[in-house]
Amino acid sequence: MPSQRETRDRRQRRAQALQRYKNDRLRNTLAQPGIHSFVIVLDNLKAGFNVPKIFRSAETFGAREVHLINIGPFDPSPAKGAFRKIPARFHDTITSCYDELTARGYTLFTLEANCSNTLYDTPLPQKSAFILGNEGLGICFNRDNYPDIGCLAIPRFGDTESLNVSVAASVVMYEYVRQYRSNPAATE
């Protein structure tokens, strides 16, 4: 059983993290899109460690923006300042995110371990949006309602069923940049 001091310290750390989130979310309104045209979509991820790590990778790989669907406040510290630098778009449902991105000409893909289309064998459209699902539940919408959303799998060679979501995000961002590295101006 935690002591009163441990409980108080835990509450204080949560309050400080929430204040950092509020401050960085305000600063995020000034964020500029990255140099590449791809977008990352986080579908109902737990608002913990993975979300800020994905922002860090998105900034590193030059993502246009990150869309968050039904994700609450998170401690931005692990993002190392990237939450302030990459535009964040907040949605309550997949429908609002889907409508916005398709209206802007994006092709959407989910990352799924059992998909027959592999990331490395698929030419990615310039305007690609990669949907990363919840760590335990996967994508939180019915694929039948969005038949034009494609799927991609990251090839696996071991027995582990899937990668950590922040690692999978980095892999897909790397592959997009790799495919467009010979002409970065084409991604603007």
N, C-alpha and C. Protein backbone atom coordinates (compact mmCIF):
# COMPACT_ATOMS: atom_id res chain seq x y z
N MET A 1 0.85 -1.17 0.00
CA MET A 1 0.00 0.00 0.00
C MET A 1 0.89 1.24 0.00
N PRO A 2 0.65 2.17 -0.94
CA PRO A 2 1.49 3.37 -1.01
C PRO A 2 1.30 4.26 0.21
N SER A 3 2.38 4.88 0.60
CA SER A 3 2.31 5.81 1.73
C SER A 3 1.60 7.09 1.28
N GLN A 4 1.23 7.91 2.25
CA GLN A 4 0.59 9.19 1.93
C GLN A 4 1.52 10.07 1.10
N ARG A 5 2.80 10.01 1.41
CA ARG A 5 3.77 10.81 0.66
C ARG A 5 3.85 10.35 -0.81
N GLU A 6 3.90 9.02 -1.00
CA GLU A 6 3.95 8.47 -2.37
C GLU A 6 2.71 8.86 -3.15
N THR A 7 1.56 8.79 -2.51
CA THR A 7 0.30 9.17 -3.16
C THR A 7 0.31 10.65 -3.52
N ARG A 8 0.76 11.48 -2.60
CA ARG A 8 0.84 12.93 -2.85
C ARG A 8 1.82 13.22 -3.99
N ASP A 9 2.97 12.56 -3.99
CA ASP A 9 3.96 12.76 -5.05
C ASP A 9 3.42 12.34 -6.41
N ARG A 10 2.68 11.23 -6.44
CA ARG A 10 2.09 10.75 -7.69
C ARG A 10 1.07 11.76 -8.22
N ARG A 11 0.23 12.28 -7.33
CA ARG A 11 -0.75 13.30 -7.74
C ARG A 11 -0.05 14.55 -8.26
N GLN A 12 1.01 14.94 -7.60
CA GLN A 12 1.75 16.14 -8.01
C GLN A 12 2.39 15.94 -9.39
N ARG A 13 2.96 14.75 -9.64
CA ARG A 13 3.54 14.47 -10.95
C ARG A 13 2.47 14.49 -12.05
N ARG A 14 1.29 13.92 -11.76
CA ARG A 14 0.19 13.96 -12.73
C ARG A 14 -0.25 15.39 -13.00
N ALA A 15 -0.35 16.19 -11.98
CA ALA A 15 -0.77 17.59 -12.16
C ALA A 15 0.27 18.36 -12.98
N GLN A 16 1.54 18.09 -12.74
CA GLN A 16 2.60 18.75 -13.52
C GLN A 16 2.55 18.31 -14.98
N ALA A 17 2.32 17.02 -15.22
CA ALA A 17 2.22 16.51 -16.59
C ALA A 17 1.03 17.14 -17.30
N LEU A 18 -0.10 17.27 -16.62
CA LEU A 18 -1.28 17.89 -17.21
C LEU A 18 -1.00 19.35 -17.56
N GLN A 19 -0.28 20.05 -16.70
CA GLN A 19 0.06 21.44 -16.99
C GLN A 19 0.99 21.55 -18.19
N ARG A 20 1.97 20.62 -18.29
CA ARG A 20 2.85 20.60 -19.46
C ARG A 20 2.04 20.36 -20.74
N TYR A 21 1.08 19.43 -20.66
CA TYR A 21 0.22 19.14 -21.81
C TYR A 21 -0.55 20.39 -22.24
N LYS A 22 -1.17 21.06 -21.28
CA LYS A 22 -1.95 22.26 -21.60
C LYS A 22 -1.07 23.33 -22.23
N ASN A 23 0.12 23.55 -21.67
CA ASN A 23 1.04 24.55 -22.22
C ASN A 23 1.49 24.18 -23.63
N ASP A 24 1.88 22.92 -23.82
CA ASP A 24 2.36 22.50 -25.14
C ASP A 24 1.23 22.45 -26.16
N ARG A 25 0.03 22.14 -25.72
CA ARG A 25 -1.10 22.13 -26.67
C ARG A 25 -1.37 23.56 -27.17
N LEU A 26 -1.23 24.55 -26.30
CA LEU A 26 -1.36 25.94 -26.74
C LEU A 26 -0.25 26.30 -27.73
N ARG A 27 0.96 25.88 -27.43
CA ARG A 27 2.09 26.16 -28.33
C ARG A 27 1.92 25.43 -29.67
N ASN A 28 1.23 24.28 -29.63
CA ASN A 28 1.03 23.49 -30.84
C ASN A 28 0.25 24.24 -31.90
N THR A 29 -0.55 25.20 -31.50
CA THR A 29 -1.33 25.97 -32.48
C THR A 29 -0.43 26.75 -33.43
N LEU A 30 0.82 26.94 -33.05
CA LEU A 30 1.79 27.64 -33.90
C LEU A 30 2.69 26.69 -34.69
N ALA A 31 2.50 25.39 -34.51
CA ALA A 31 3.35 24.39 -35.17
C ALA A 31 3.21 24.48 -36.68
N GLN A 32 4.30 24.22 -37.36
CA GLN A 32 4.34 24.24 -38.82
C GLN A 32 4.41 22.81 -39.35
N PRO A 33 3.72 22.53 -40.46
CA PRO A 33 3.77 21.17 -41.04
C PRO A 33 5.20 20.77 -41.39
N GLY A 34 5.47 19.48 -41.29
CA GLY A 34 6.78 18.96 -41.69
C GLY A 34 6.95 19.00 -43.19
N ILE A 35 8.14 18.64 -43.66
CA ILE A 35 8.46 18.78 -45.09
C ILE A 35 7.82 17.71 -45.96
N HIS A 36 7.37 16.60 -45.37
CA HIS A 36 6.76 15.53 -46.14
C HIS A 36 5.24 15.62 -46.09
N SER A 37 4.58 14.97 -47.04
CA SER A 37 3.12 15.05 -47.14
C SER A 37 2.39 13.98 -46.33
N PHE A 38 3.09 13.03 -45.74
CA PHE A 38 2.38 11.98 -45.02
C PHE A 38 1.85 12.48 -43.68
N VAL A 39 0.78 11.81 -43.23
CA VAL A 39 0.10 12.14 -41.98
C VAL A 39 0.03 10.88 -41.13
N ILE A 40 0.15 11.04 -39.83
CA ILE A 40 -0.02 9.95 -38.89
C ILE A 40 -1.36 10.14 -38.18
N VAL A 41 -2.13 9.05 -38.07
CA VAL A 41 -3.42 9.07 -37.38
C VAL A 41 -3.35 8.09 -36.22
N LEU A 42 -3.59 8.58 -35.02
CA LEU A 42 -3.55 7.75 -33.82
C LEU A 42 -4.98 7.48 -33.38
N ASP A 43 -5.42 6.24 -33.53
CA ASP A 43 -6.80 5.84 -33.29
C ASP A 43 -6.98 5.25 -31.89
N ASN A 44 -7.47 6.08 -30.97
CA ASN A 44 -7.81 5.62 -29.61
C ASN A 44 -6.62 5.01 -28.87
N LEU A 45 -5.42 5.53 -29.08
CA LEU A 45 -4.28 5.04 -28.32
C LEU A 45 -4.41 5.45 -26.87
N LYS A 46 -3.80 4.68 -25.99
CA LYS A 46 -3.73 5.05 -24.59
C LYS A 46 -2.89 6.32 -24.51
N ALA A 47 -3.32 7.25 -23.71
CA ALA A 47 -2.67 8.57 -23.67
C ALA A 47 -1.39 8.55 -22.83
N GLY A 48 -0.63 7.53 -22.94
CA GLY A 48 0.58 7.42 -22.14
C GLY A 48 1.83 7.64 -22.94
N PHE A 49 2.77 6.77 -22.75
CA PHE A 49 4.12 6.91 -23.27
C PHE A 49 4.21 6.89 -24.79
N ASN A 50 3.39 6.10 -25.48
CA ASN A 50 3.52 5.94 -26.94
C ASN A 50 3.16 7.20 -27.72
N VAL A 51 2.14 7.93 -27.31
CA VAL A 51 1.71 9.11 -28.07
C VAL A 51 2.83 10.15 -28.18
N PRO A 52 3.46 10.55 -27.08
CA PRO A 52 4.55 11.53 -27.24
C PRO A 52 5.74 10.97 -28.02
N LYS A 53 6.02 9.69 -27.90
CA LYS A 53 7.12 9.09 -28.66
C LYS A 53 6.81 9.14 -30.15
N ILE A 54 5.55 8.95 -30.54
CA ILE A 54 5.18 9.03 -31.95
C ILE A 54 5.34 10.46 -32.44
N PHE A 55 4.99 11.45 -31.63
CA PHE A 55 5.22 12.85 -32.02
C PHE A 55 6.71 13.10 -32.24
N ARG A 56 7.53 12.53 -31.40
CA ARG A 56 8.99 12.71 -31.54
C ARG A 56 9.46 12.14 -32.88
N SER A 57 9.00 10.94 -33.23
CA SER A 57 9.37 10.35 -34.51
C SER A 57 8.78 11.13 -35.67
N ALA A 58 7.53 11.59 -35.53
CA ALA A 58 6.88 12.35 -36.60
C ALA A 58 7.66 13.63 -36.91
N GLU A 59 8.14 14.27 -35.89
CA GLU A 59 8.95 15.49 -36.10
C GLU A 59 10.27 15.13 -36.76
N THR A 60 10.89 14.07 -36.32
CA THR A 60 12.16 13.63 -36.89
C THR A 60 12.05 13.29 -38.37
N PHE A 61 10.96 12.62 -38.75
CA PHE A 61 10.78 12.20 -40.14
C PHE A 61 10.05 13.23 -40.99
N GLY A 62 9.70 14.39 -40.42
CA GLY A 62 9.10 15.46 -41.21
C GLY A 62 7.65 15.25 -41.60
N ALA A 63 6.85 14.65 -40.71
CA ALA A 63 5.42 14.44 -40.98
C ALA A 63 4.71 15.77 -41.17
N ARG A 64 3.70 15.76 -42.01
CA ARG A 64 2.88 16.95 -42.22
C ARG A 64 2.15 17.31 -40.94
N GLU A 65 1.51 16.31 -40.29
CA GLU A 65 0.76 16.53 -39.06
C GLU A 65 0.42 15.19 -38.43
N VAL A 66 -0.09 15.24 -37.20
CA VAL A 66 -0.53 14.06 -36.48
C VAL A 66 -1.99 14.29 -36.07
N HIS A 67 -2.85 13.32 -36.40
CA HIS A 67 -4.25 13.37 -36.02
C HIS A 67 -4.47 12.43 -34.84
N LEU A 68 -5.18 12.92 -33.83
CA LEU A 68 -5.45 12.12 -32.64
C LEU A 68 -6.96 11.92 -32.53
N ILE A 69 -7.38 10.67 -32.50
CA ILE A 69 -8.80 10.34 -32.39
C ILE A 69 -9.07 9.83 -30.98
N ASN A 70 -9.88 10.59 -30.25
CA ASN A 70 -10.31 10.19 -28.91
C ASN A 70 -9.13 9.86 -28.00
N ILE A 71 -8.17 10.76 -27.95
CA ILE A 71 -7.00 10.58 -27.08
C ILE A 71 -6.96 11.74 -26.10
N GLY A 72 -6.93 11.41 -24.82
CA GLY A 72 -6.93 12.42 -23.78
C GLY A 72 -5.55 13.03 -23.56
N PRO A 73 -5.44 13.87 -22.54
CA PRO A 73 -4.16 14.52 -22.23
C PRO A 73 -3.07 13.49 -21.95
N PHE A 74 -1.85 13.84 -22.32
CA PHE A 74 -0.70 12.98 -22.09
C PHE A 74 0.48 13.86 -21.68
N ASP A 75 1.45 13.24 -21.04
CA ASP A 75 2.66 13.96 -20.66
C ASP A 75 3.52 14.13 -21.90
N PRO A 76 3.73 15.37 -22.36
CA PRO A 76 4.51 15.58 -23.57
C PRO A 76 6.02 15.46 -23.39
N SER A 77 6.49 15.25 -22.17
CA SER A 77 7.94 15.20 -21.92
C SER A 77 8.69 14.21 -22.80
N PRO A 78 8.21 12.96 -22.98
CA PRO A 78 8.95 12.03 -23.83
C PRO A 78 9.06 12.47 -25.29
N ALA A 79 8.24 13.43 -25.71
CA ALA A 79 8.31 13.93 -27.09
C ALA A 79 9.51 14.85 -27.29
N LYS A 80 10.16 15.26 -26.23
CA LYS A 80 11.34 16.12 -26.30
C LYS A 80 11.07 17.39 -27.13
N GLY A 81 9.89 18.00 -26.93
CA GLY A 81 9.56 19.25 -27.61
C GLY A 81 8.83 19.08 -28.93
N ALA A 82 8.72 17.86 -29.45
CA ALA A 82 8.12 17.64 -30.76
C ALA A 82 6.62 17.93 -30.78
N PHE A 83 5.93 17.79 -29.65
CA PHE A 83 4.49 18.08 -29.61
C PHE A 83 4.23 19.56 -29.94
N ARG A 84 5.19 20.41 -29.68
CA ARG A 84 5.06 21.83 -30.01
C ARG A 84 5.36 22.10 -31.48
N LYS A 85 6.01 21.17 -32.17
CA LYS A 85 6.54 21.43 -33.52
C LYS A 85 5.72 20.84 -34.65
N ILE A 86 5.01 19.75 -34.42
CA ILE A 86 4.22 19.10 -35.47
C ILE A 86 2.75 19.40 -35.19
N PRO A 87 2.02 19.94 -36.18
CA PRO A 87 0.61 20.25 -35.95
C PRO A 87 -0.18 19.02 -35.53
N ALA A 88 -0.97 19.18 -34.49
CA ALA A 88 -1.86 18.13 -34.01
C ALA A 88 -3.29 18.51 -34.36
N ARG A 89 -4.04 17.53 -34.83
CA ARG A 89 -5.46 17.72 -35.14
C ARG A 89 -6.23 16.74 -34.26
N PHE A 90 -7.18 17.26 -33.53
CA PHE A 90 -7.91 16.46 -32.55
C PHE A 90 -9.31 16.13 -33.07
N HIS A 91 -9.70 14.86 -32.96
CA HIS A 91 -10.99 14.37 -33.43
C HIS A 91 -11.63 13.51 -32.34
N ASP A 92 -12.95 13.54 -32.29
CA ASP A 92 -13.67 12.66 -31.38
C ASP A 92 -13.94 11.30 -32.01
N THR A 93 -14.04 11.26 -33.35
CA THR A 93 -14.38 10.01 -34.04
C THR A 93 -13.52 9.85 -35.29
N ILE A 94 -13.46 8.62 -35.78
CA ILE A 94 -12.76 8.35 -37.03
C ILE A 94 -13.45 9.07 -38.18
N THR A 95 -14.76 9.23 -38.12
CA THR A 95 -15.50 9.84 -39.22
C THR A 95 -15.02 11.26 -39.51
N SER A 96 -14.83 12.08 -38.49
CA SER A 96 -14.38 13.46 -38.74
C SER A 96 -12.96 13.47 -39.30
N CYS A 97 -12.11 12.59 -38.82
CA CYS A 97 -10.74 12.50 -39.33
C CYS A 97 -10.75 12.01 -40.77
N TYR A 98 -11.48 10.96 -41.03
CA TYR A 98 -11.60 10.39 -42.37
C TYR A 98 -12.13 11.44 -43.35
N ASP A 99 -13.21 12.13 -42.98
CA ASP A 99 -13.80 13.14 -43.87
C ASP A 99 -12.80 14.24 -44.20
N GLU A 100 -12.07 14.71 -43.19
CA GLU A 100 -11.09 15.78 -43.41
C GLU A 100 -9.96 15.32 -44.35
N LEU A 101 -9.41 14.15 -44.07
CA LEU A 101 -8.27 13.69 -44.86
C LEU A 101 -8.65 13.31 -46.28
N THR A 102 -9.78 12.65 -46.47
CA THR A 102 -10.18 12.29 -47.83
C THR A 102 -10.53 13.54 -48.63
N ALA A 103 -11.12 14.54 -47.99
CA ALA A 103 -11.42 15.80 -48.69
C ALA A 103 -10.13 16.48 -49.15
N ARG A 104 -9.04 16.25 -48.44
CA ARG A 104 -7.75 16.84 -48.79
C ARG A 104 -6.94 15.94 -49.73
N GLY A 105 -7.53 14.84 -50.18
CA GLY A 105 -6.88 13.98 -51.17
C GLY A 105 -5.97 12.90 -50.61
N TYR A 106 -6.08 12.58 -49.34
CA TYR A 106 -5.22 11.56 -48.74
C TYR A 106 -5.76 10.16 -48.99
N THR A 107 -4.82 9.22 -49.15
CA THR A 107 -5.12 7.80 -49.18
C THR A 107 -4.79 7.27 -47.80
N LEU A 108 -5.75 6.61 -47.18
CA LEU A 108 -5.58 6.13 -45.81
C LEU A 108 -5.24 4.65 -45.78
N PHE A 109 -4.36 4.29 -44.84
CA PHE A 109 -3.94 2.90 -44.63
C PHE A 109 -3.94 2.60 -43.13
N THR A 110 -4.42 1.43 -42.77
CA THR A 110 -4.22 0.93 -41.42
C THR A 110 -2.96 0.07 -41.45
N LEU A 111 -2.32 -0.06 -40.30
CA LEU A 111 -1.21 -1.00 -40.15
C LEU A 111 -1.77 -2.21 -39.41
N GLU A 112 -1.74 -3.37 -40.07
CA GLU A 112 -2.30 -4.58 -39.48
C GLU A 112 -1.37 -5.75 -39.75
N ALA A 113 -1.10 -6.51 -38.73
CA ALA A 113 -0.14 -7.61 -38.83
C ALA A 113 -0.54 -8.66 -39.87
N ASN A 114 -1.83 -8.88 -40.07
CA ASN A 114 -2.27 -9.96 -40.97
C ASN A 114 -2.66 -9.48 -42.36
N CYS A 115 -2.31 -8.29 -42.72
CA CYS A 115 -2.64 -7.76 -44.05
C CYS A 115 -1.73 -8.42 -45.09
N SER A 116 -2.28 -8.69 -46.25
CA SER A 116 -1.48 -9.34 -47.31
C SER A 116 -0.60 -8.33 -48.06
N ASN A 117 -0.87 -7.05 -47.95
CA ASN A 117 -0.03 -6.02 -48.59
C ASN A 117 1.08 -5.61 -47.64
N THR A 118 2.31 -5.83 -48.04
CA THR A 118 3.40 -5.46 -47.14
C THR A 118 3.85 -4.02 -47.41
N LEU A 119 4.27 -3.38 -46.37
CA LEU A 119 4.73 -2.00 -46.44
C LEU A 119 5.85 -1.83 -47.46
N TYR A 120 6.78 -2.78 -47.51
CA TYR A 120 7.95 -2.64 -48.37
C TYR A 120 7.66 -2.88 -49.85
N ASP A 121 6.56 -3.58 -50.13
CA ASP A 121 6.22 -3.89 -51.53
C ASP A 121 5.14 -2.98 -52.10
N THR A 122 4.70 -2.02 -51.34
CA THR A 122 3.61 -1.14 -51.76
C THR A 122 4.13 0.26 -52.05
N PRO A 123 3.98 0.73 -53.28
CA PRO A 123 4.33 2.13 -53.55
C PRO A 123 3.34 3.04 -52.81
N LEU A 124 3.86 3.90 -51.98
CA LEU A 124 3.01 4.75 -51.16
C LEU A 124 2.65 6.03 -51.90
N PRO A 125 1.36 6.39 -51.92
CA PRO A 125 0.98 7.65 -52.55
C PRO A 125 1.64 8.83 -51.82
N GLN A 126 1.85 9.90 -52.54
CA GLN A 126 2.45 11.09 -51.93
C GLN A 126 1.65 11.53 -50.71
N LYS A 127 0.35 11.56 -50.83
CA LYS A 127 -0.51 11.95 -49.71
C LYS A 127 -1.03 10.68 -49.02
N SER A 128 -0.18 10.11 -48.19
CA SER A 128 -0.54 8.91 -47.43
C SER A 128 -0.84 9.29 -45.98
N ALA A 129 -1.86 8.65 -45.43
CA ALA A 129 -2.19 8.80 -44.01
C ALA A 129 -2.18 7.41 -43.39
N PHE A 130 -1.38 7.24 -42.35
CA PHE A 130 -1.19 5.94 -41.73
C PHE A 130 -1.92 5.90 -40.39
N ILE A 131 -2.88 4.98 -40.26
CA ILE A 131 -3.69 4.85 -39.05
C ILE A 131 -3.08 3.79 -38.16
N LEU A 132 -2.77 4.18 -36.94
CA LEU A 132 -2.20 3.26 -35.96
C LEU A 132 -3.24 3.05 -34.87
N GLY A 133 -3.60 1.78 -34.65
CA GLY A 133 -4.67 1.45 -33.72
C GLY A 133 -4.20 1.32 -32.28
N ASN A 134 -5.18 1.16 -31.43
CA ASN A 134 -4.98 1.00 -29.99
C ASN A 134 -4.04 -0.18 -29.71
N GLU A 135 -3.21 -0.02 -28.70
CA GLU A 135 -2.19 -1.01 -28.37
C GLU A 135 -2.76 -2.40 -28.11
N GLY A 136 -3.95 -2.50 -27.55
CA GLY A 136 -4.53 -3.80 -27.26
C GLY A 136 -5.67 -4.19 -28.19
N LEU A 137 -6.42 -3.20 -28.65
CA LEU A 137 -7.63 -3.46 -29.42
C LEU A 137 -7.45 -3.34 -30.92
N GLY A 138 -6.38 -2.73 -31.36
CA GLY A 138 -6.20 -2.46 -32.78
C GLY A 138 -7.05 -1.27 -33.19
N ILE A 139 -7.45 -1.24 -34.45
CA ILE A 139 -8.27 -0.12 -34.90
C ILE A 139 -9.64 -0.20 -34.22
N CYS A 140 -10.20 0.96 -33.93
CA CYS A 140 -11.44 1.02 -33.14
C CYS A 140 -12.63 1.44 -34.00
N PHE A 141 -12.64 0.98 -35.23
CA PHE A 141 -13.77 1.26 -36.11
C PHE A 141 -14.00 0.05 -36.99
N ASN A 142 -15.18 -0.02 -37.57
CA ASN A 142 -15.54 -1.14 -38.43
C ASN A 142 -15.01 -0.86 -39.84
N ARG A 143 -14.11 -1.70 -40.30
CA ARG A 143 -13.50 -1.51 -41.63
C ARG A 143 -14.54 -1.53 -42.74
N ASP A 144 -15.64 -2.24 -42.54
CA ASP A 144 -16.69 -2.30 -43.56
C ASP A 144 -17.30 -0.92 -43.83
N ASN A 145 -17.25 -0.04 -42.85
CA ASN A 145 -17.79 1.31 -43.03
C ASN A 145 -16.85 2.21 -43.82
N TYR A 146 -15.62 1.77 -44.03
CA TYR A 146 -14.60 2.56 -44.73
C TYR A 146 -13.86 1.66 -45.71
N PRO A 147 -14.54 1.18 -46.75
CA PRO A 147 -13.94 0.19 -47.65
C PRO A 147 -12.74 0.71 -48.44
N ASP A 148 -12.59 2.02 -48.56
CA ASP A 148 -11.46 2.55 -49.31
C ASP A 148 -10.20 2.73 -48.47
N ILE A 149 -10.26 2.42 -47.18
CA ILE A 149 -9.05 2.46 -46.36
C ILE A 149 -8.29 1.17 -46.61
N GLY A 150 -7.06 1.29 -47.10
CA GLY A 150 -6.23 0.12 -47.35
C GLY A 150 -5.57 -0.37 -46.08
N CYS A 151 -4.87 -1.46 -46.19
CA CYS A 151 -4.11 -1.96 -45.05
C CYS A 151 -2.70 -2.31 -45.51
N LEU A 152 -1.79 -2.24 -44.59
CA LEU A 152 -0.39 -2.57 -44.82
C LEU A 152 0.12 -3.38 -43.64
N ALA A 153 1.02 -4.29 -43.92
CA ALA A 153 1.67 -5.05 -42.86
C ALA A 153 3.16 -4.78 -42.90
N ILE A 154 3.75 -4.69 -41.74
CA ILE A 154 5.21 -4.62 -41.62
C ILE A 154 5.69 -6.07 -41.55
N PRO A 155 6.55 -6.49 -42.49
CA PRO A 155 6.99 -7.89 -42.47
C PRO A 155 7.65 -8.25 -41.13
N ARG A 156 7.30 -9.43 -40.63
CA ARG A 156 7.87 -9.92 -39.38
C ARG A 156 8.56 -11.25 -39.67
N PHE A 157 9.62 -11.49 -38.97
CA PHE A 157 10.39 -12.71 -39.21
C PHE A 157 10.51 -13.56 -37.95
N GLY A 158 10.07 -13.02 -36.83
CA GLY A 158 10.08 -13.77 -35.57
C GLY A 158 8.68 -14.22 -35.21
N ASP A 159 8.52 -14.70 -34.01
CA ASP A 159 7.24 -15.24 -33.54
C ASP A 159 6.34 -14.18 -32.90
N THR A 160 6.89 -13.02 -32.55
CA THR A 160 6.10 -11.99 -31.89
C THR A 160 5.02 -11.49 -32.85
N GLU A 161 3.80 -11.37 -32.33
CA GLU A 161 2.64 -11.04 -33.18
C GLU A 161 2.69 -9.64 -33.76
N SER A 162 3.21 -8.68 -32.99
CA SER A 162 3.21 -7.31 -33.49
C SER A 162 4.31 -6.49 -32.82
N LEU A 163 4.55 -5.34 -33.41
CA LEU A 163 5.51 -4.39 -32.84
C LEU A 163 4.80 -3.43 -31.89
N ASN A 164 5.55 -2.81 -31.02
CA ASN A 164 5.03 -1.72 -30.22
C ASN A 164 4.54 -0.63 -31.17
N VAL A 165 3.44 0.04 -30.85
CA VAL A 165 2.83 1.00 -31.77
C VAL A 165 3.77 2.15 -32.11
N SER A 166 4.59 2.61 -31.18
CA SER A 166 5.50 3.71 -31.51
C SER A 166 6.62 3.22 -32.43
N VAL A 167 7.03 1.98 -32.28
CA VAL A 167 8.04 1.41 -33.18
C VAL A 167 7.44 1.23 -34.58
N ALA A 168 6.20 0.70 -34.65
CA ALA A 168 5.53 0.52 -35.94
C ALA A 168 5.37 1.87 -36.65
N ALA A 169 5.04 2.91 -35.90
CA ALA A 169 4.91 4.25 -36.49
C ALA A 169 6.23 4.69 -37.10
N SER A 170 7.32 4.47 -36.39
CA SER A 170 8.63 4.87 -36.90
C SER A 170 8.99 4.09 -38.16
N VAL A 171 8.67 2.81 -38.19
CA VAL A 171 8.97 1.99 -39.37
C VAL A 171 8.22 2.50 -40.59
N VAL A 172 6.92 2.79 -40.44
CA VAL A 172 6.15 3.25 -41.59
C VAL A 172 6.61 4.64 -42.04
N MET A 173 6.97 5.50 -41.11
CA MET A 173 7.47 6.83 -41.48
C MET A 173 8.80 6.71 -42.22
N TYR A 174 9.67 5.83 -41.73
CA TYR A 174 10.96 5.62 -42.39
C TYR A 174 10.75 5.14 -43.82
N GLU A 175 9.84 4.18 -44.00
CA GLU A 175 9.61 3.63 -45.35
C GLU A 175 9.05 4.70 -46.28
N TYR A 176 8.15 5.53 -45.80
CA TYR A 176 7.63 6.61 -46.63
C TYR A 176 8.79 7.53 -47.07
N VAL A 177 9.59 7.95 -46.13
CA VAL A 177 10.72 8.84 -46.44
C VAL A 177 11.70 8.14 -47.38
N ARG A 178 11.95 6.85 -47.17
CA ARG A 178 12.85 6.11 -48.04
C ARG A 178 12.34 6.13 -49.48
N GLN A 179 11.04 5.92 -49.66
CA GLN A 179 10.49 5.90 -51.01
C GLN A 179 10.55 7.27 -51.69
N TYR A 180 10.54 8.34 -50.90
CA TYR A 180 10.54 9.68 -51.49
C TYR A 180 11.88 10.41 -51.34
N ARG A 181 12.90 9.73 -50.83
CA ARG A 181 14.17 10.41 -50.53
C ARG A 181 14.87 10.98 -51.75
N SER A 182 14.66 10.39 -52.93
CA SER A 182 15.36 10.88 -54.11
C SER A 182 14.81 12.22 -54.59
N ASN A 183 13.61 12.59 -54.16
CA ASN A 183 13.02 13.86 -54.57
C ASN A 183 12.16 14.43 -53.44
N PRO A 184 12.79 14.97 -52.37
CA PRO A 184 12.02 15.49 -51.24
C PRO A 184 11.06 16.61 -51.65
N ALA A 185 11.36 17.36 -52.69
CA ALA A 185 10.46 18.45 -53.11
C ALA A 185 9.13 17.90 -53.59
N ALA A 186 9.10 16.65 -54.03
CA ALA A 186 7.86 16.04 -54.53
C ALA A 186 6.87 15.79 -53.40
N THR A 187 7.34 15.82 -52.16
CA THR A 187 6.44 15.55 -51.04
C THR A 187 5.82 16.82 -50.47
N GLU A 188 6.17 17.96 -50.99
CA GLU A 188 5.62 19.20 -50.45
C GLU A 188 4.27 19.53 -51.02
